Amino acid sequence: MDDSVNSFKEKLDASHKWPALYTFKFICLNEKTIHIKQLFVNHEVKEKASSKGKYISLTVSIMARNSDEIIEYYQEVYKIGDIISL
């Protein structure tokens, strides 16, 4: 793991007691939503379209076992590309 991932892991571990509810928020182009939904197939994905409908805001809450699980999800989302994580 690189330093930024280690730092994020440390922050997650300092602010959560595992297992814990964790909320992901993403913004992406409309056509990218299907890829995120495939990653979170067993979880509810809430969508909200931008005023012109070009972008979609996605919110996903999961019960995470540990910080490694959170990091794995972020790494998979990163592979999709062109997605903003909030």
N, C-alpha and C. Protein backbone atom coordinates (compact mmCIF):
# COMPACT_ATOMS: atom_id res chain seq x y z
N MET A 1 0.83 -1.18 0.00
CA MET A 1 0.00 0.00 0.00
C MET A 1 0.88 1.24 0.00
N ASP A 2 0.43 2.26 -0.75
CA ASP A 2 1.23 3.48 -0.74
C ASP A 2 0.85 4.33 0.47
N ASP A 3 1.57 5.42 0.66
CA ASP A 3 1.41 6.25 1.86
C ASP A 3 0.00 6.83 1.97
N SER A 4 -0.59 7.25 0.85
CA SER A 4 -1.93 7.85 0.93
C SER A 4 -2.98 6.82 1.35
N VAL A 5 -2.84 5.59 0.89
CA VAL A 5 -3.77 4.52 1.27
C VAL A 5 -3.58 4.18 2.75
N ASN A 6 -2.32 4.10 3.19
CA ASN A 6 -2.04 3.83 4.60
C ASN A 6 -2.61 4.93 5.50
N SER A 7 -2.46 6.17 5.07
CA SER A 7 -2.98 7.30 5.83
C SER A 7 -4.50 7.23 5.92
N PHE A 8 -5.16 6.91 4.80
CA PHE A 8 -6.62 6.80 4.78
C PHE A 8 -7.08 5.66 5.69
N LYS A 9 -6.36 4.54 5.64
CA LYS A 9 -6.68 3.38 6.49
C LYS A 9 -6.58 3.76 7.96
N GLU A 10 -5.52 4.48 8.32
CA GLU A 10 -5.34 4.92 9.71
C GLU A 10 -6.48 5.82 10.15
N LYS A 11 -6.91 6.73 9.27
CA LYS A 11 -8.01 7.64 9.60
C LYS A 11 -9.32 6.88 9.76
N LEU A 12 -9.56 5.91 8.87
CA LEU A 12 -10.77 5.09 9.00
C LEU A 12 -10.77 4.34 10.32
N ASP A 13 -9.65 3.73 10.66
CA ASP A 13 -9.56 2.95 11.88
C ASP A 13 -9.68 3.82 13.13
N ALA A 14 -9.22 5.07 13.05
CA ALA A 14 -9.30 5.97 14.18
C ALA A 14 -10.73 6.49 14.39
N SER A 15 -11.51 6.56 13.31
CA SER A 15 -12.85 7.16 13.41
C SER A 15 -13.99 6.15 13.41
N HIS A 16 -13.69 4.87 13.23
CA HIS A 16 -14.74 3.84 13.20
C HIS A 16 -14.38 2.67 14.12
N LYS A 17 -15.41 2.08 14.68
CA LYS A 17 -15.25 0.83 15.42
C LYS A 17 -15.91 -0.24 14.55
N TRP A 18 -15.13 -1.19 14.09
CA TRP A 18 -15.60 -2.19 13.11
C TRP A 18 -16.31 -3.34 13.79
N PRO A 19 -17.35 -3.88 13.17
CA PRO A 19 -17.98 -3.44 11.92
C PRO A 19 -18.71 -2.12 12.13
N ALA A 20 -18.84 -1.36 11.02
CA ALA A 20 -19.46 -0.04 11.08
C ALA A 20 -20.19 0.28 9.79
N LEU A 21 -21.20 1.13 9.92
CA LEU A 21 -21.91 1.61 8.75
C LEU A 21 -21.04 2.66 8.08
N TYR A 22 -20.82 2.53 6.78
CA TYR A 22 -19.99 3.47 6.02
C TYR A 22 -20.76 3.91 4.79
N THR A 23 -20.74 5.20 4.51
CA THR A 23 -21.47 5.74 3.36
C THR A 23 -20.49 6.23 2.31
N PHE A 24 -20.65 5.71 1.10
CA PHE A 24 -19.89 6.15 -0.07
C PHE A 24 -20.73 7.17 -0.81
N LYS A 25 -20.09 8.20 -1.37
CA LYS A 25 -20.76 9.16 -2.23
C LYS A 25 -19.90 9.35 -3.47
N PHE A 26 -20.55 9.24 -4.62
CA PHE A 26 -19.85 9.38 -5.89
C PHE A 26 -20.64 10.30 -6.81
N ILE A 27 -19.93 10.96 -7.73
CA ILE A 27 -20.55 11.71 -8.80
C ILE A 27 -19.94 11.21 -10.09
N CYS A 28 -20.81 10.92 -11.06
CA CYS A 28 -20.30 10.39 -12.32
C CYS A 28 -21.25 10.74 -13.46
N LEU A 29 -20.78 10.50 -14.67
CA LEU A 29 -21.65 10.63 -15.83
C LEU A 29 -22.71 9.55 -15.76
N ASN A 30 -23.85 9.83 -16.32
CA ASN A 30 -25.00 8.92 -16.27
C ASN A 30 -24.63 7.50 -16.68
N GLU A 31 -23.83 7.35 -17.73
CA GLU A 31 -23.51 6.01 -18.24
C GLU A 31 -22.58 5.19 -17.33
N LYS A 32 -21.98 5.83 -16.34
CA LYS A 32 -21.08 5.12 -15.42
C LYS A 32 -21.83 4.49 -14.24
N THR A 33 -23.08 4.88 -14.03
CA THR A 33 -23.82 4.39 -12.86
C THR A 33 -23.95 2.88 -12.85
N ILE A 34 -24.11 2.27 -14.00
CA ILE A 34 -24.28 0.81 -14.08
C ILE A 34 -23.08 0.09 -13.49
N HIS A 35 -21.89 0.63 -13.71
CA HIS A 35 -20.66 0.00 -13.21
C HIS A 35 -20.59 0.06 -11.68
N ILE A 36 -21.00 1.18 -11.13
CA ILE A 36 -21.00 1.31 -9.67
C ILE A 36 -22.05 0.38 -9.07
N LYS A 37 -23.20 0.32 -9.69
CA LYS A 37 -24.25 -0.57 -9.19
C LYS A 37 -23.81 -2.03 -9.21
N GLN A 38 -22.99 -2.39 -10.19
CA GLN A 38 -22.48 -3.77 -10.26
C GLN A 38 -21.52 -4.05 -9.11
N LEU A 39 -20.77 -3.04 -8.67
CA LEU A 39 -19.86 -3.23 -7.53
C LEU A 39 -20.62 -3.40 -6.22
N PHE A 40 -21.74 -2.69 -6.11
CA PHE A 40 -22.52 -2.70 -4.88
C PHE A 40 -23.84 -3.44 -5.08
N VAL A 41 -23.77 -4.58 -5.73
CA VAL A 41 -24.96 -5.33 -6.12
C VAL A 41 -25.83 -5.73 -4.93
N ASN A 42 -25.27 -5.96 -3.79
CA ASN A 42 -26.04 -6.39 -2.62
C ASN A 42 -26.42 -5.23 -1.70
N HIS A 43 -26.29 -4.01 -2.18
CA HIS A 43 -26.56 -2.82 -1.38
C HIS A 43 -27.46 -1.87 -2.15
N GLU A 44 -28.21 -1.08 -1.40
CA GLU A 44 -29.07 -0.07 -2.03
C GLU A 44 -28.22 1.09 -2.51
N VAL A 45 -28.40 1.46 -3.77
CA VAL A 45 -27.70 2.59 -4.36
C VAL A 45 -28.74 3.67 -4.64
N LYS A 46 -28.61 4.80 -3.95
CA LYS A 46 -29.54 5.91 -4.16
C LYS A 46 -28.95 6.84 -5.20
N GLU A 47 -29.79 7.26 -6.14
CA GLU A 47 -29.35 8.12 -7.23
C GLU A 47 -30.07 9.45 -7.20
N LYS A 48 -29.34 10.49 -7.58
CA LYS A 48 -29.95 11.80 -7.75
C LYS A 48 -29.30 12.45 -8.96
N ALA A 49 -30.11 12.80 -9.94
CA ALA A 49 -29.60 13.40 -11.17
C ALA A 49 -29.33 14.88 -10.99
N SER A 50 -28.36 15.38 -11.73
CA SER A 50 -28.10 16.82 -11.73
C SER A 50 -29.24 17.52 -12.45
N SER A 51 -29.27 18.82 -12.38
CA SER A 51 -30.40 19.57 -12.96
C SER A 51 -30.56 19.32 -14.46
N LYS A 52 -29.47 19.12 -15.17
CA LYS A 52 -29.55 18.85 -16.61
C LYS A 52 -29.48 17.37 -16.93
N GLY A 53 -29.30 16.53 -15.92
CA GLY A 53 -29.31 15.09 -16.10
C GLY A 53 -28.03 14.48 -16.64
N LYS A 54 -26.99 15.28 -16.79
CA LYS A 54 -25.73 14.75 -17.33
C LYS A 54 -24.97 13.96 -16.27
N TYR A 55 -25.05 14.41 -15.02
CA TYR A 55 -24.33 13.77 -13.93
C TYR A 55 -25.30 13.15 -12.94
N ILE A 56 -24.83 12.12 -12.27
CA ILE A 56 -25.62 11.43 -11.27
C ILE A 56 -24.81 11.39 -9.97
N SER A 57 -25.48 11.70 -8.88
CA SER A 57 -24.90 11.54 -7.56
C SER A 57 -25.38 10.20 -7.01
N LEU A 58 -24.45 9.39 -6.55
CA LEU A 58 -24.78 8.06 -6.01
C LEU A 58 -24.37 7.99 -4.55
N THR A 59 -25.26 7.45 -3.73
CA THR A 59 -24.99 7.26 -2.30
C THR A 59 -25.22 5.79 -1.98
N VAL A 60 -24.23 5.17 -1.35
CA VAL A 60 -24.33 3.76 -0.97
C VAL A 60 -23.87 3.61 0.47
N SER A 61 -24.71 3.04 1.31
CA SER A 61 -24.33 2.75 2.69
C SER A 61 -24.17 1.25 2.86
N ILE A 62 -23.05 0.85 3.45
CA ILE A 62 -22.80 -0.58 3.67
C ILE A 62 -22.37 -0.80 5.12
N MET A 63 -22.57 -1.99 5.60
CA MET A 63 -22.03 -2.39 6.90
C MET A 63 -20.68 -3.04 6.59
N ALA A 64 -19.62 -2.30 6.86
CA ALA A 64 -18.27 -2.77 6.53
C ALA A 64 -17.66 -3.53 7.69
N ARG A 65 -16.96 -4.60 7.37
CA ARG A 65 -16.30 -5.42 8.39
C ARG A 65 -15.05 -4.74 8.94
N ASN A 66 -14.35 -3.99 8.05
CA ASN A 66 -13.10 -3.35 8.45
C ASN A 66 -12.70 -2.31 7.41
N SER A 67 -11.64 -1.57 7.69
CA SER A 67 -11.20 -0.52 6.79
C SER A 67 -10.69 -1.08 5.46
N ASP A 68 -10.14 -2.28 5.48
CA ASP A 68 -9.66 -2.89 4.23
C ASP A 68 -10.80 -3.06 3.22
N GLU A 69 -11.98 -3.40 3.71
CA GLU A 69 -13.13 -3.56 2.82
C GLU A 69 -13.49 -2.23 2.15
N ILE A 70 -13.44 -1.14 2.90
CA ILE A 70 -13.72 0.19 2.36
C ILE A 70 -12.70 0.53 1.27
N ILE A 71 -11.45 0.30 1.57
CA ILE A 71 -10.37 0.61 0.62
C ILE A 71 -10.53 -0.22 -0.65
N GLU A 72 -10.89 -1.49 -0.53
CA GLU A 72 -11.10 -2.34 -1.70
C GLU A 72 -12.19 -1.77 -2.61
N TYR A 73 -13.29 -1.32 -2.02
CA TYR A 73 -14.35 -0.71 -2.83
C TYR A 73 -13.85 0.53 -3.56
N TYR A 74 -13.13 1.40 -2.86
CA TYR A 74 -12.61 2.60 -3.51
C TYR A 74 -11.64 2.24 -4.65
N GLN A 75 -10.84 1.22 -4.46
CA GLN A 75 -9.90 0.82 -5.51
C GLN A 75 -10.64 0.29 -6.73
N GLU A 76 -11.73 -0.44 -6.52
CA GLU A 76 -12.52 -0.94 -7.64
C GLU A 76 -13.22 0.20 -8.37
N VAL A 77 -13.72 1.18 -7.64
CA VAL A 77 -14.35 2.35 -8.26
C VAL A 77 -13.31 3.12 -9.08
N TYR A 78 -12.11 3.24 -8.54
CA TYR A 78 -11.04 3.95 -9.24
C TYR A 78 -10.76 3.30 -10.61
N LYS A 79 -10.85 1.99 -10.68
CA LYS A 79 -10.61 1.27 -11.95
C LYS A 79 -11.64 1.63 -13.01
N ILE A 80 -12.86 2.00 -12.60
CA ILE A 80 -13.90 2.38 -13.56
C ILE A 80 -13.49 3.67 -14.26
N GLY A 81 -12.93 4.59 -13.52
CA GLY A 81 -12.46 5.87 -14.08
C GLY A 81 -13.55 6.92 -14.21
N ASP A 82 -13.13 8.17 -14.23
CA ASP A 82 -14.02 9.32 -14.41
C ASP A 82 -15.13 9.37 -13.37
N ILE A 83 -14.81 9.05 -12.13
CA ILE A 83 -15.78 9.09 -11.04
C ILE A 83 -15.18 9.93 -9.92
N ILE A 84 -15.96 10.84 -9.39
CA ILE A 84 -15.53 11.67 -8.27
C ILE A 84 -16.03 11.04 -6.99
N SER A 85 -15.14 10.82 -6.05
CA SER A 85 -15.51 10.29 -4.73
C SER A 85 -15.56 11.45 -3.76
N LEU A 86 -16.62 11.51 -2.99
CA LEU A 86 -16.73 12.59 -2.00
C LEU A 86 -16.49 12.05 -0.60
